[in-house]
Amino acid sequence: MARNMDGLAEIEQKKYQTVWAHEGYGNYSPGEDVAKGIKLDRIFKRLGVQSILDAGCGSGKTMRFFLQSDPDWFDVSGLDIAQNCLDPWFAEHDLGHILQQGSLWDPHALASTQFDAVVCTDVLEHIPTDKVDDVLFNLRRWSGKI
């Protein structure tokens, strides 16, 4: 359960948990398509990227792509506002711990955790306009750029 969510985060959480409850909602993942298309796993390995945050991970298909590519190399985490978003594949592979629940604009989300890379696809257009600056700040913070 997410801690100390602001009122807007609670509204967004309810909205997305309702959407993710619809069968078939998470069947398609633009992030997964992009990662596969540009062979992002190979690029990341060449760059020495091991720890990855999928910010606004949704169904987690992009995380699954990295885990299936090289589970011994990649250490993948997801952050999403909805607790019911992950594809059933994660439950079948005992990876329930991979998802952290919270809003991307929460200054306390993921505390001081940093990752080698942060991926964020099909997310920013869904962020409330007045929270975009906070989300961009957090993405930089999680990537170690702040």
N, C-alpha and C. Protein backbone atom coordinates (compact mmCIF):
# COMPACT_ATOMS: atom_id res chain seq x y z
N MET A 1 0.84 -1.18 0.00
CA MET A 1 0.00 0.00 0.00
C MET A 1 0.88 1.24 0.00
N ALA A 2 0.52 2.20 -0.79
CA ALA A 2 1.29 3.44 -0.86
C ALA A 2 1.08 4.24 0.42
N ARG A 3 2.11 4.97 0.79
CA ARG A 3 2.01 5.74 2.03
C ARG A 3 1.82 7.21 1.71
N ASN A 4 1.09 7.88 2.56
CA ASN A 4 0.96 9.34 2.51
C ASN A 4 0.64 9.88 1.12
N MET A 5 -0.27 9.27 0.42
CA MET A 5 -0.65 9.79 -0.90
C MET A 5 -1.43 11.08 -0.73
N ASP A 6 -1.13 12.04 -1.61
CA ASP A 6 -1.91 13.27 -1.60
C ASP A 6 -3.27 12.99 -2.23
N GLY A 7 -4.19 13.94 -2.11
CA GLY A 7 -5.55 13.75 -2.62
C GLY A 7 -5.61 13.43 -4.10
N LEU A 8 -4.79 14.14 -4.89
CA LEU A 8 -4.76 13.88 -6.33
C LEU A 8 -4.23 12.48 -6.62
N ALA A 9 -3.22 12.04 -5.89
CA ALA A 9 -2.67 10.70 -6.10
C ALA A 9 -3.73 9.64 -5.79
N GLU A 10 -4.52 9.88 -4.75
CA GLU A 10 -5.58 8.92 -4.41
C GLU A 10 -6.62 8.84 -5.53
N ILE A 11 -6.97 9.97 -6.11
CA ILE A 11 -7.92 9.99 -7.22
C ILE A 11 -7.34 9.23 -8.42
N GLU A 12 -6.08 9.52 -8.75
CA GLU A 12 -5.42 8.84 -9.87
C GLU A 12 -5.29 7.35 -9.61
N GLN A 13 -4.97 6.98 -8.38
CA GLN A 13 -4.84 5.57 -8.04
C GLN A 13 -6.16 4.83 -8.28
N LYS A 14 -7.25 5.39 -7.79
CA LYS A 14 -8.56 4.75 -7.98
C LYS A 14 -8.89 4.63 -9.47
N LYS A 15 -8.61 5.67 -10.22
CA LYS A 15 -8.87 5.66 -11.66
C LYS A 15 -8.10 4.54 -12.34
N TYR A 16 -6.81 4.45 -12.06
CA TYR A 16 -5.99 3.45 -12.75
C TYR A 16 -6.24 2.04 -12.23
N GLN A 17 -6.56 1.89 -10.97
CA GLN A 17 -6.90 0.55 -10.50
C GLN A 17 -8.19 0.06 -11.15
N THR A 18 -9.11 0.97 -11.41
CA THR A 18 -10.34 0.61 -12.11
C THR A 18 -10.02 0.21 -13.55
N VAL A 19 -9.18 0.98 -14.21
CA VAL A 19 -8.83 0.68 -15.60
C VAL A 19 -8.09 -0.65 -15.71
N TRP A 20 -7.13 -0.87 -14.80
CA TRP A 20 -6.35 -2.12 -14.86
C TRP A 20 -7.21 -3.34 -14.54
N ALA A 21 -8.34 -3.15 -13.90
CA ALA A 21 -9.23 -4.28 -13.59
C ALA A 21 -9.95 -4.79 -14.83
N HIS A 22 -9.98 -4.01 -15.92
CA HIS A 22 -10.63 -4.44 -17.15
C HIS A 22 -9.75 -5.43 -17.90
N GLU A 23 -10.31 -6.58 -18.15
CA GLU A 23 -9.57 -7.63 -18.86
C GLU A 23 -9.11 -7.11 -20.22
N GLY A 24 -7.87 -7.34 -20.52
CA GLY A 24 -7.34 -6.95 -21.82
C GLY A 24 -6.74 -5.57 -21.87
N TYR A 25 -6.92 -4.75 -20.80
CA TYR A 25 -6.40 -3.39 -20.84
C TYR A 25 -4.90 -3.35 -21.08
N GLY A 26 -4.17 -4.22 -20.45
CA GLY A 26 -2.71 -4.20 -20.55
C GLY A 26 -2.13 -5.13 -21.58
N ASN A 27 -2.94 -5.54 -22.56
CA ASN A 27 -2.43 -6.48 -23.56
C ASN A 27 -1.32 -5.91 -24.43
N TYR A 28 -1.37 -4.61 -24.69
CA TYR A 28 -0.37 -3.98 -25.56
C TYR A 28 0.53 -3.07 -24.73
N SER A 29 1.82 -3.09 -25.02
CA SER A 29 2.76 -2.24 -24.31
C SER A 29 3.66 -1.51 -25.30
N PRO A 30 3.46 -0.20 -25.46
CA PRO A 30 4.34 0.56 -26.35
C PRO A 30 5.80 0.49 -25.91
N GLY A 31 6.04 0.50 -24.60
CA GLY A 31 7.40 0.44 -24.09
C GLY A 31 8.11 -0.84 -24.49
N GLU A 32 7.39 -1.94 -24.40
CA GLU A 32 7.97 -3.23 -24.80
C GLU A 32 8.31 -3.22 -26.28
N ASP A 33 7.40 -2.70 -27.10
CA ASP A 33 7.66 -2.63 -28.54
C ASP A 33 8.90 -1.81 -28.86
N VAL A 34 9.04 -0.67 -28.20
CA VAL A 34 10.20 0.18 -28.43
C VAL A 34 11.48 -0.52 -27.97
N ALA A 35 11.45 -1.08 -26.77
CA ALA A 35 12.63 -1.75 -26.23
C ALA A 35 13.09 -2.89 -27.15
N LYS A 36 12.14 -3.67 -27.61
CA LYS A 36 12.48 -4.76 -28.54
C LYS A 36 12.99 -4.20 -29.87
N GLY A 37 12.30 -3.20 -30.38
CA GLY A 37 12.61 -2.65 -31.70
C GLY A 37 14.01 -2.08 -31.79
N ILE A 38 14.45 -1.41 -30.75
CA ILE A 38 15.79 -0.82 -30.80
C ILE A 38 16.83 -1.68 -30.06
N LYS A 39 16.37 -2.86 -29.63
CA LYS A 39 17.26 -3.78 -28.90
C LYS A 39 17.90 -3.07 -27.69
N LEU A 40 17.03 -2.48 -26.88
CA LEU A 40 17.48 -1.69 -25.74
C LEU A 40 18.27 -2.53 -24.75
N ASP A 41 17.98 -3.80 -24.67
CA ASP A 41 18.75 -4.67 -23.77
C ASP A 41 20.22 -4.70 -24.18
N ARG A 42 20.49 -4.79 -25.46
CA ARG A 42 21.88 -4.81 -25.95
C ARG A 42 22.56 -3.46 -25.72
N ILE A 43 21.82 -2.39 -25.97
CA ILE A 43 22.38 -1.05 -25.75
C ILE A 43 22.73 -0.86 -24.28
N PHE A 44 21.81 -1.22 -23.40
CA PHE A 44 22.06 -1.08 -21.97
C PHE A 44 23.26 -1.92 -21.53
N LYS A 45 23.36 -3.13 -22.02
CA LYS A 45 24.49 -3.98 -21.63
C LYS A 45 25.81 -3.36 -22.09
N ARG A 46 25.84 -2.83 -23.30
CA ARG A 46 27.06 -2.17 -23.81
C ARG A 46 27.45 -0.99 -22.94
N LEU A 47 26.45 -0.31 -22.39
CA LEU A 47 26.69 0.86 -21.55
C LEU A 47 26.93 0.49 -20.08
N GLY A 48 26.81 -0.78 -19.76
CA GLY A 48 27.00 -1.22 -18.38
C GLY A 48 25.80 -1.01 -17.49
N VAL A 49 24.65 -0.74 -18.08
CA VAL A 49 23.42 -0.52 -17.30
C VAL A 49 22.92 -1.86 -16.78
N GLN A 50 22.77 -1.94 -15.47
CA GLN A 50 22.22 -3.15 -14.86
C GLN A 50 20.92 -2.87 -14.11
N SER A 51 20.91 -1.82 -13.30
CA SER A 51 19.70 -1.51 -12.53
C SER A 51 18.82 -0.56 -13.34
N ILE A 52 17.57 -0.95 -13.49
CA ILE A 52 16.63 -0.21 -14.32
C ILE A 52 15.34 0.04 -13.53
N LEU A 53 14.87 1.28 -13.58
CA LEU A 53 13.55 1.60 -13.06
C LEU A 53 12.63 1.84 -14.24
N ASP A 54 11.51 1.14 -14.25
CA ASP A 54 10.44 1.42 -15.21
C ASP A 54 9.43 2.29 -14.48
N ALA A 55 9.50 3.58 -14.72
CA ALA A 55 8.66 4.56 -14.03
C ALA A 55 7.30 4.63 -14.71
N GLY A 56 6.26 4.25 -13.97
CA GLY A 56 4.93 4.14 -14.56
C GLY A 56 4.87 2.84 -15.35
N CYS A 57 5.29 1.76 -14.72
CA CYS A 57 5.51 0.48 -15.41
C CYS A 57 4.26 -0.18 -15.96
N GLY A 58 3.09 0.18 -15.44
CA GLY A 58 1.87 -0.45 -15.95
C GLY A 58 1.94 -1.96 -15.85
N SER A 59 1.66 -2.65 -16.93
CA SER A 59 1.61 -4.11 -16.92
C SER A 59 2.99 -4.75 -16.70
N GLY A 60 4.03 -3.98 -16.86
CA GLY A 60 5.37 -4.50 -16.61
C GLY A 60 6.00 -5.22 -17.80
N LYS A 61 5.39 -5.12 -18.95
CA LYS A 61 5.92 -5.84 -20.10
C LYS A 61 7.33 -5.38 -20.49
N THR A 62 7.65 -4.12 -20.26
CA THR A 62 9.01 -3.66 -20.54
C THR A 62 9.98 -4.27 -19.53
N MET A 63 9.58 -4.35 -18.28
CA MET A 63 10.43 -5.01 -17.28
C MET A 63 10.62 -6.48 -17.65
N ARG A 64 9.56 -7.13 -18.06
CA ARG A 64 9.64 -8.54 -18.45
C ARG A 64 10.61 -8.73 -19.61
N PHE A 65 10.60 -7.79 -20.56
CA PHE A 65 11.53 -7.86 -21.69
C PHE A 65 12.97 -7.95 -21.20
N PHE A 66 13.35 -7.08 -20.25
CA PHE A 66 14.71 -7.10 -19.73
C PHE A 66 14.99 -8.37 -18.94
N LEU A 67 14.04 -8.79 -18.14
CA LEU A 67 14.24 -10.00 -17.34
C LEU A 67 14.37 -11.24 -18.21
N GLN A 68 13.61 -11.29 -19.29
CA GLN A 68 13.71 -12.44 -20.18
C GLN A 68 14.98 -12.38 -21.02
N SER A 69 15.45 -11.18 -21.27
CA SER A 69 16.67 -11.01 -22.05
C SER A 69 17.89 -11.56 -21.30
N ASP A 70 18.04 -11.16 -20.05
CA ASP A 70 19.18 -11.62 -19.25
C ASP A 70 18.89 -11.39 -17.78
N PRO A 71 18.21 -12.35 -17.13
CA PRO A 71 17.80 -12.16 -15.74
C PRO A 71 18.99 -12.08 -14.77
N ASP A 72 20.13 -12.60 -15.17
CA ASP A 72 21.30 -12.52 -14.30
C ASP A 72 22.00 -11.17 -14.39
N TRP A 73 21.76 -10.44 -15.46
CA TRP A 73 22.40 -9.15 -15.66
C TRP A 73 21.52 -8.01 -15.13
N PHE A 74 20.26 -8.01 -15.55
CA PHE A 74 19.38 -6.89 -15.25
C PHE A 74 18.70 -7.02 -13.90
N ASP A 75 18.72 -5.93 -13.14
CA ASP A 75 18.00 -5.79 -11.88
C ASP A 75 16.92 -4.74 -12.14
N VAL A 76 15.69 -5.18 -12.26
CA VAL A 76 14.61 -4.31 -12.73
C VAL A 76 13.60 -4.06 -11.61
N SER A 77 13.15 -2.81 -11.52
CA SER A 77 12.11 -2.42 -10.57
C SER A 77 11.08 -1.59 -11.31
N GLY A 78 9.86 -1.63 -10.83
CA GLY A 78 8.80 -0.82 -11.40
C GLY A 78 8.14 0.03 -10.34
N LEU A 79 7.67 1.18 -10.77
CA LEU A 79 6.90 2.07 -9.90
C LEU A 79 5.63 2.43 -10.63
N ASP A 80 4.50 2.21 -9.99
CA ASP A 80 3.22 2.55 -10.59
C ASP A 80 2.25 2.94 -9.49
N ILE A 81 1.27 3.73 -9.85
CA ILE A 81 0.29 4.20 -8.88
C ILE A 81 -0.75 3.13 -8.56
N ALA A 82 -0.96 2.20 -9.49
CA ALA A 82 -1.95 1.13 -9.29
C ALA A 82 -1.27 -0.14 -8.80
N GLN A 83 -1.86 -0.75 -7.80
CA GLN A 83 -1.27 -1.98 -7.26
C GLN A 83 -1.68 -3.22 -8.04
N ASN A 84 -2.64 -3.09 -8.93
CA ASN A 84 -3.16 -4.24 -9.67
C ASN A 84 -2.78 -4.21 -11.15
N CYS A 85 -1.69 -3.54 -11.48
CA CYS A 85 -1.37 -3.33 -12.89
C CYS A 85 -0.54 -4.44 -13.52
N LEU A 86 0.25 -5.15 -12.75
CA LEU A 86 1.20 -6.09 -13.34
C LEU A 86 0.54 -7.27 -14.04
N ASP A 87 1.15 -7.64 -15.15
CA ASP A 87 0.76 -8.80 -15.93
C ASP A 87 0.86 -10.06 -15.05
N PRO A 88 -0.05 -11.02 -15.23
CA PRO A 88 0.01 -12.26 -14.44
C PRO A 88 1.35 -12.99 -14.53
N TRP A 89 2.12 -12.73 -15.56
CA TRP A 89 3.44 -13.36 -15.71
C TRP A 89 4.29 -13.16 -14.46
N PHE A 90 4.16 -12.00 -13.81
CA PHE A 90 4.98 -11.71 -12.63
C PHE A 90 4.61 -12.59 -11.45
N ALA A 91 3.32 -12.84 -11.25
CA ALA A 91 2.89 -13.72 -10.17
C ALA A 91 3.35 -15.15 -10.43
N GLU A 92 3.32 -15.56 -11.67
CA GLU A 92 3.74 -16.91 -12.04
C GLU A 92 5.24 -17.11 -11.85
N HIS A 93 6.00 -16.02 -11.85
CA HIS A 93 7.45 -16.11 -11.71
C HIS A 93 7.94 -15.59 -10.36
N ASP A 94 7.02 -15.48 -9.42
CA ASP A 94 7.36 -15.07 -8.06
C ASP A 94 8.18 -13.77 -8.03
N LEU A 95 7.72 -12.79 -8.80
CA LEU A 95 8.41 -11.51 -8.85
C LEU A 95 7.50 -10.39 -8.32
N GLY A 96 6.62 -10.72 -7.41
CA GLY A 96 5.69 -9.74 -6.88
C GLY A 96 6.38 -8.56 -6.22
N HIS A 97 7.58 -8.75 -5.72
CA HIS A 97 8.33 -7.68 -5.05
C HIS A 97 8.86 -6.62 -6.02
N ILE A 98 8.74 -6.86 -7.27
CA ILE A 98 9.33 -5.99 -8.28
C ILE A 98 8.61 -4.64 -8.38
N LEU A 99 7.35 -4.58 -7.96
CA LEU A 99 6.54 -3.37 -8.08
C LEU A 99 6.53 -2.59 -6.77
N GLN A 100 6.87 -1.31 -6.88
CA GLN A 100 6.68 -0.37 -5.78
C GLN A 100 5.47 0.48 -6.15
N GLN A 101 4.58 0.65 -5.22
CA GLN A 101 3.39 1.43 -5.50
C GLN A 101 3.57 2.86 -5.00
N GLY A 102 3.23 3.81 -5.86
CA GLY A 102 3.28 5.21 -5.48
C GLY A 102 3.13 6.10 -6.70
N SER A 103 3.00 7.38 -6.44
CA SER A 103 2.87 8.33 -7.54
C SER A 103 4.26 8.79 -7.97
N LEU A 104 4.39 9.06 -9.23
CA LEU A 104 5.68 9.49 -9.78
C LEU A 104 6.07 10.88 -9.30
N TRP A 105 5.12 11.65 -8.78
CA TRP A 105 5.43 13.00 -8.31
C TRP A 105 5.70 13.06 -6.81
N ASP A 106 5.55 11.96 -6.13
CA ASP A 106 5.78 11.93 -4.68
C ASP A 106 7.27 12.13 -4.39
N PRO A 107 7.64 13.17 -3.64
CA PRO A 107 9.05 13.42 -3.36
C PRO A 107 9.69 12.33 -2.50
N HIS A 108 8.87 11.51 -1.85
CA HIS A 108 9.39 10.45 -0.99
C HIS A 108 9.41 9.09 -1.68
N ALA A 109 8.87 9.01 -2.88
CA ALA A 109 8.82 7.73 -3.60
C ALA A 109 10.23 7.22 -3.85
N LEU A 110 10.45 5.99 -3.53
CA LEU A 110 11.73 5.30 -3.71
C LEU A 110 12.87 5.95 -2.92
N ALA A 111 12.52 6.79 -1.97
CA ALA A 111 13.50 7.45 -1.08
C ALA A 111 14.70 7.95 -1.87
N SER A 112 15.89 7.51 -1.53
CA SER A 112 17.09 8.00 -2.22
C SER A 112 17.63 6.97 -3.21
N THR A 113 16.79 6.05 -3.64
CA THR A 113 17.22 5.01 -4.57
C THR A 113 17.60 5.62 -5.91
N GLN A 114 18.70 5.11 -6.47
CA GLN A 114 19.13 5.53 -7.80
C GLN A 114 19.34 4.30 -8.67
N PHE A 115 19.15 4.49 -9.96
CA PHE A 115 19.26 3.42 -10.93
C PHE A 115 20.23 3.81 -12.03
N ASP A 116 20.79 2.81 -12.69
CA ASP A 116 21.66 3.09 -13.83
C ASP A 116 20.88 3.73 -14.97
N ALA A 117 19.61 3.33 -15.10
CA ALA A 117 18.76 3.88 -16.16
C ALA A 117 17.32 3.92 -15.69
N VAL A 118 16.59 4.89 -16.21
CA VAL A 118 15.16 5.01 -15.95
C VAL A 118 14.45 5.01 -17.30
N VAL A 119 13.50 4.10 -17.47
CA VAL A 119 12.67 4.11 -18.67
C VAL A 119 11.27 4.57 -18.27
N CYS A 120 10.65 5.30 -19.16
CA CYS A 120 9.33 5.87 -18.86
C CYS A 120 8.62 6.05 -20.20
N THR A 121 7.76 5.10 -20.56
CA THR A 121 7.07 5.16 -21.85
C THR A 121 5.57 5.12 -21.65
N ASP A 122 4.88 5.88 -22.48
CA ASP A 122 3.43 5.96 -22.43
C ASP A 122 2.94 6.34 -21.04
N VAL A 123 3.60 7.33 -20.44
CA VAL A 123 3.30 7.72 -19.07
C VAL A 123 3.08 9.21 -18.93
N LEU A 124 4.02 10.00 -19.39
CA LEU A 124 3.99 11.43 -19.10
C LEU A 124 2.72 12.13 -19.60
N GLU A 125 2.15 11.63 -20.68
CA GLU A 125 0.92 12.25 -21.17
C GLU A 125 -0.28 12.00 -20.24
N HIS A 126 -0.11 11.10 -19.28
CA HIS A 126 -1.19 10.80 -18.32
C HIS A 126 -1.00 11.51 -16.99
N ILE A 127 0.10 12.21 -16.84
CA ILE A 127 0.40 12.90 -15.58
C ILE A 127 -0.40 14.20 -15.50
N PRO A 128 -1.03 14.48 -14.35
CA PRO A 128 -1.72 15.76 -14.20
C PRO A 128 -0.74 16.90 -14.49
N THR A 129 -1.18 17.87 -15.26
CA THR A 129 -0.32 18.95 -15.74
C THR A 129 0.46 19.63 -14.63
N ASP A 130 -0.17 19.88 -13.51
CA ASP A 130 0.53 20.58 -12.44
C ASP A 130 1.54 19.70 -11.70
N LYS A 131 1.65 18.43 -12.07
CA LYS A 131 2.61 17.52 -11.43
C LYS A 131 3.77 17.15 -12.35
N VAL A 132 3.76 17.62 -13.58
CA VAL A 132 4.80 17.24 -14.55
C VAL A 132 6.19 17.64 -14.06
N ASP A 133 6.36 18.84 -13.56
CA ASP A 133 7.68 19.28 -13.09
C ASP A 133 8.20 18.38 -11.97
N ASP A 134 7.32 17.99 -11.06
CA ASP A 134 7.72 17.10 -9.97
C ASP A 134 8.13 15.73 -10.50
N VAL A 135 7.40 15.22 -11.48
CA VAL A 135 7.73 13.92 -12.07
C VAL A 135 9.09 14.00 -12.76
N LEU A 136 9.31 15.04 -13.54
CA LEU A 136 10.59 15.18 -14.23
C LEU A 136 11.74 15.31 -13.23
N PHE A 137 11.52 16.01 -12.14
CA PHE A 137 12.53 16.10 -11.09
C PHE A 137 12.85 14.71 -10.54
N ASN A 138 11.81 13.94 -10.23
CA ASN A 138 12.03 12.59 -9.69
C ASN A 138 12.73 11.68 -10.69
N LEU A 139 12.37 11.76 -11.96
CA LEU A 139 13.04 10.92 -12.96
C LEU A 139 14.54 11.22 -12.99
N ARG A 140 14.88 12.49 -12.90
CA ARG A 140 16.31 12.87 -12.85
C ARG A 140 16.94 12.38 -11.55
N ARG A 141 16.23 12.50 -10.46
CA ARG A 141 16.77 12.05 -9.16
C ARG A 141 17.03 10.55 -9.17
N TRP A 142 16.06 9.79 -9.68
CA TRP A 142 16.22 8.33 -9.70
C TRP A 142 17.34 7.88 -10.64
N SER A 143 17.63 8.72 -11.64
CA SER A 143 18.71 8.37 -12.57
C SER A 143 20.06 8.89 -12.09
N GLY A 144 20.09 9.49 -10.90
CA GLY A 144 21.34 9.97 -10.33
C GLY A 144 21.84 11.28 -10.92
N LYS A 145 20.97 12.00 -11.60
CA LYS A 145 21.35 13.26 -12.23
C LYS A 145 21.16 14.46 -11.33
N ILE A 146 20.64 14.24 -10.12
CA ILE A 146 20.46 15.33 -9.14
C ILE A 146 21.08 14.89 -7.84
